Amino acid sequence: EYWKALLFYEKALEIHEKTLPPNHPSLAISYDNIGLAYNNIGEYSKALSSHEKALEFFQKTLPSNHPDLAISYNSIGLVYEKMGEYSKALSSLEKALEIQEKTLPSNHPDLATSYNNISKVYYNMKNYSEAVSYLEHALDIFQRALPLTHPKIQNIKAGIKFVKEIMKNIQ
């Protein structure tokens, strides 16, 4: 259904371009949605292009620490991660986290999600100690923000256990 979603997002963008001023935030959101759809169908270069257009719009129209910028940086980082470009992924994901740390409460679940996203990149780079460190930050935040039985908490705990097991086996 991602192809169908992509068609709707592209139609929405077409309508927005005809009816809204050229710096309207809805244009950036449309580009971001198109990027998400492309990412989900594996068209990473198109996803990256769309997310970068969204980021450009946000950079022109929003303050430098606006949470929407963090969303764009996060989206770009996730695409780079899927492309195997881990240093670029880290750069974007860390920019997202930096903005979130300045603008969100310390127990906000989006912070935990960002820590988790960064941990995945470190895991893919085989930097397991950093992966665990970021997972532990994510766990700490989720435990303060969510009920202790929440699946996200269980998933993070399982991730920590998994990575620590790998570390034990390679020593």
Protein backbone atom coordinates (compact mmCIF):
# COMPACT_ATOMS: atom_id res chain seq x y z
CA GLU A 1 0.00 0.00 0.00
CA TYR A 2 3.03 2.31 0.14
CA TRP A 3 2.77 2.93 -3.61
CA LYS A 4 -0.82 4.05 -3.13
CA ALA A 5 0.22 6.29 -0.24
CA LEU A 6 2.99 7.73 -2.39
CA LEU A 7 0.47 8.66 -5.10
CA PHE A 8 -1.72 10.42 -2.54
CA TYR A 9 1.24 12.26 -1.01
CA GLU A 10 2.40 13.40 -4.44
CA LYS A 11 -1.12 14.60 -5.27
CA ALA A 12 -1.25 16.48 -1.96
CA LEU A 13 2.08 18.13 -2.77
CA GLU A 14 0.79 19.13 -6.20
CA ILE A 15 -2.28 20.74 -4.62
CA HIS A 16 -0.19 22.46 -1.94
CA GLU A 17 2.20 23.87 -4.54
CA LYS A 18 -0.74 25.39 -6.44
CA THR A 19 -2.65 26.76 -3.45
CA LEU A 20 -0.14 27.66 -0.72
CA PRO A 21 2.60 30.26 -0.46
CA PRO A 22 6.02 28.85 -1.44
CA ASN A 23 7.32 28.79 2.15
CA HIS A 24 4.27 27.14 3.76
CA PRO A 25 5.12 24.34 6.26
CA SER A 26 2.63 21.98 4.60
CA LEU A 27 4.98 21.76 1.62
CA ALA A 28 7.75 20.47 3.87
CA ILE A 29 5.39 17.99 5.49
CA SER A 30 4.34 16.76 2.04
CA TYR A 31 7.98 16.22 1.05
CA ASP A 32 8.62 14.41 4.33
CA ASN A 33 5.62 12.11 3.78
CA ILE A 34 6.81 11.35 0.25
CA GLY A 35 10.24 10.55 1.67
CA LEU A 36 8.73 8.15 4.21
CA ALA A 37 6.82 6.34 1.48
CA TYR A 38 9.92 6.03 -0.72
CA ASN A 39 11.91 4.79 2.28
CA ASN A 40 9.32 2.10 2.96
CA ILE A 41 9.47 0.81 -0.63
CA GLY A 42 13.27 0.78 -0.67
CA GLU A 43 13.76 3.77 -2.99
CA TYR A 44 16.38 5.29 -0.73
CA SER A 45 17.86 7.93 -3.04
CA LYS A 46 14.37 9.30 -3.74
CA ALA A 47 13.56 9.15 -0.03
CA LEU A 48 16.72 11.05 0.80
CA SER A 49 15.98 13.70 -1.83
CA SER A 50 12.46 14.23 -0.49
CA HIS A 51 13.59 14.43 3.14
CA GLU A 52 16.33 16.89 2.20
CA LYS A 53 13.75 19.10 0.45
CA ALA A 54 11.63 19.00 3.61
CA LEU A 55 14.66 19.95 5.71
CA GLU A 56 15.46 22.87 3.38
CA PHE A 57 11.91 24.20 3.78
CA PHE A 58 12.07 23.85 7.55
CA GLN A 59 15.49 25.53 7.72
CA LYS A 60 14.16 28.52 5.77
CA THR A 61 11.01 28.95 7.83
CA LEU A 62 11.65 27.68 11.37
CA PRO A 63 14.01 28.52 14.23
CA SER A 64 17.18 26.39 14.28
CA ASN A 65 16.03 24.37 17.29
CA HIS A 66 12.47 23.67 16.15
CA PRO A 67 11.32 20.05 16.74
CA ASP A 68 10.28 19.67 13.08
CA LEU A 69 13.93 20.05 12.11
CA ALA A 70 14.71 17.13 14.40
CA ILE A 71 12.08 15.06 12.62
CA SER A 72 13.71 15.80 9.25
CA TYR A 73 17.22 15.06 10.51
CA ASN A 74 15.93 11.82 12.02
CA SER A 75 14.25 10.80 8.75
CA ILE A 76 17.43 11.54 6.80
CA GLY A 77 19.50 9.57 9.30
CA LEU A 78 17.23 6.54 9.04
CA VAL A 79 17.53 6.55 5.24
CA TYR A 80 21.32 6.77 5.44
CA GLU A 81 21.27 3.88 7.90
CA LYS A 82 19.31 1.73 5.47
CA MET A 83 21.78 2.70 2.73
CA GLY A 84 24.66 1.53 4.94
CA GLU A 85 26.14 5.04 5.12
CA TYR A 86 26.62 4.93 8.85
CA SER A 87 28.74 8.04 9.42
CA LYS A 88 26.17 10.17 7.57
CA ALA A 89 23.39 8.43 9.50
CA LEU A 90 25.09 9.22 12.81
CA SER A 91 25.62 12.84 11.84
CA SER A 92 21.93 13.36 11.03
CA LEU A 93 20.63 11.36 13.98
CA GLU A 94 22.91 13.22 16.39
CA LYS A 95 21.65 16.57 15.03
CA ALA A 96 18.10 15.38 15.66
CA LEU A 97 18.99 14.32 19.20
CA GLU A 98 20.75 17.62 19.89
CA ILE A 99 17.63 19.58 18.93
CA GLN A 100 15.38 17.26 20.93
CA GLU A 101 17.56 17.55 24.04
CA LYS A 102 17.17 21.34 23.87
CA THR A 103 13.44 21.38 23.21
CA LEU A 104 11.83 18.32 24.79
CA PRO A 105 11.39 17.29 28.43
CA SER A 106 14.06 14.83 29.59
CA ASN A 107 11.51 12.01 29.80
CA HIS A 108 9.98 12.51 26.35
CA PRO A 109 9.61 9.23 24.41
CA ASP A 110 10.95 10.86 21.21
CA LEU A 111 14.30 11.27 22.97
CA ALA A 112 14.34 7.56 23.76
CA THR A 113 13.49 6.75 20.16
CA SER A 114 16.40 8.90 18.98
CA TYR A 115 18.80 7.16 21.37
CA ASN A 116 17.50 3.83 20.08
CA ASN A 117 17.98 4.90 16.44
CA ILE A 118 21.57 5.91 17.15
CA SER A 119 22.18 2.61 18.94
CA LYS A 120 21.14 0.73 15.79
CA VAL A 121 23.74 2.58 13.74
CA TYR A 122 26.46 1.79 16.28
CA TYR A 123 25.32 -1.83 16.27
CA ASN A 124 25.59 -1.95 12.47
CA MET A 125 29.08 -0.46 12.77
CA LYS A 126 29.90 -3.25 15.23
CA ASN A 127 30.57 -0.67 17.95
CA TYR A 128 28.65 -2.70 20.50
CA SER A 129 29.66 -0.78 23.61
CA GLU A 130 28.28 2.47 22.14
CA ALA A 131 25.16 0.62 21.01
CA VAL A 132 24.56 -0.60 24.57
CA SER A 133 25.22 2.85 26.00
CA TYR A 134 22.60 4.44 23.75
CA LEU A 135 20.15 1.60 24.42
CA GLU A 136 20.58 2.17 28.17
CA HIS A 137 19.80 5.88 27.71
CA ALA A 138 16.69 4.91 25.73
CA LEU A 139 15.65 2.44 28.42
CA ASP A 140 16.07 5.03 31.18
CA ILE A 141 13.83 7.51 29.36
CA PHE A 142 11.19 4.95 28.39
CA GLN A 143 11.04 3.72 32.00
CA ARG A 144 10.34 7.27 33.17
CA ALA A 145 7.82 7.97 30.39
CA LEU A 146 5.90 4.73 29.90
CA PRO A 147 4.31 1.98 31.99
CA LEU A 148 6.95 -0.62 32.88
CA THR A 149 5.03 -3.27 30.95
CA HIS A 150 5.09 -1.26 27.72
CA PRO A 151 6.42 -3.24 24.71
CA LYS A 152 9.02 -0.56 23.91
CA ILE A 153 10.64 -1.14 27.30
CA GLN A 154 10.66 -4.88 26.77
CA ASN A 155 12.15 -4.45 23.27
CA ILE A 156 14.95 -2.21 24.55
CA LYS A 157 15.75 -4.64 27.37
CA ALA A 158 15.89 -7.48 24.84
CA GLY A 159 18.15 -5.38 22.61
CA ILE A 160 20.55 -4.68 25.47
CA LYS A 161 20.65 -8.36 26.39
CA PHE A 162 21.23 -9.34 22.75
CA VAL A 163 24.09 -6.90 22.19
CA LYS A 164 25.74 -7.78 25.51
CA GLU A 165 25.58 -11.45 24.52
CA ILE A 166 27.36 -10.62 21.25
CA MET A 167 30.01 -8.68 23.17
CA LYS A 168 30.54 -11.63 25.51
CA ASN A 169 30.92 -14.04 22.58
CA ILE A 170 33.56 -11.96 20.78
CA GLN A 171 35.83 -11.54 23.80
